[in-house]
Amino acid sequence: MLLIGVLHRMRTIFFVLCYYWVLCIYVAQSIIILILQSCKVV
């Protein structure tokens, strides 16, 4: 039972890390696009 609990916790942490990783990439991509657009305007 203890092993199952540890595996479940690790899986939950893994999903949370993946979610934040995707979120960070999305935000970084948006910022880069905004910077490129502002450079094109100038």
Protein backbone atom coordinates (compact mmCIF):
# COMPACT_ATOMS: atom_id res chain seq x y z
CA MET A 1 0.00 0.00 0.00
CA LEU A 2 2.87 2.36 0.84
CA LEU A 3 4.47 1.78 -2.57
CA ILE A 4 1.19 2.53 -4.38
CA GLY A 5 0.86 5.76 -2.39
CA VAL A 6 4.41 6.82 -3.30
CA LEU A 7 3.87 6.01 -6.99
CA HIS A 8 0.60 7.96 -7.00
CA ARG A 9 2.30 10.95 -5.37
CA MET A 10 5.20 10.81 -7.85
CA ARG A 11 2.74 10.66 -10.75
CA THR A 12 0.84 13.66 -9.37
CA ILE A 13 4.09 15.65 -8.98
CA PHE A 14 5.09 14.63 -12.53
CA PHE A 15 1.79 15.89 -13.97
CA VAL A 16 2.09 19.18 -12.04
CA LEU A 17 5.66 19.68 -13.30
CA CYS A 18 4.57 18.94 -16.89
CA TYR A 19 1.69 21.42 -16.55
CA TYR A 20 3.97 24.20 -15.29
CA TRP A 21 6.58 23.35 -17.97
CA VAL A 22 3.96 23.71 -20.76
CA LEU A 23 2.66 26.91 -19.16
CA CYS A 24 6.18 28.40 -19.00
CA ILE A 25 6.85 27.50 -22.65
CA TYR A 26 3.52 29.06 -23.69
CA VAL A 27 4.23 32.29 -21.78
CA ALA A 28 7.81 32.48 -23.11
CA GLN A 29 6.56 31.95 -26.67
CA SER A 30 3.98 34.72 -26.25
CA ILE A 31 6.64 37.12 -24.90
CA ILE A 32 9.03 36.30 -27.77
CA ILE A 33 6.26 36.90 -30.33
CA LEU A 34 5.42 40.25 -28.70
CA ILE A 35 9.10 41.29 -28.72
CA LEU A 36 9.47 40.30 -32.39
CA GLN A 37 6.31 42.21 -33.33
CA SER A 38 7.47 45.34 -31.48
CA CYS A 39 10.87 45.08 -33.22
CA LYS A 40 9.17 44.86 -36.63
CA VAL A 41 7.08 47.95 -35.83
CA VAL A 42 10.20 49.89 -34.83
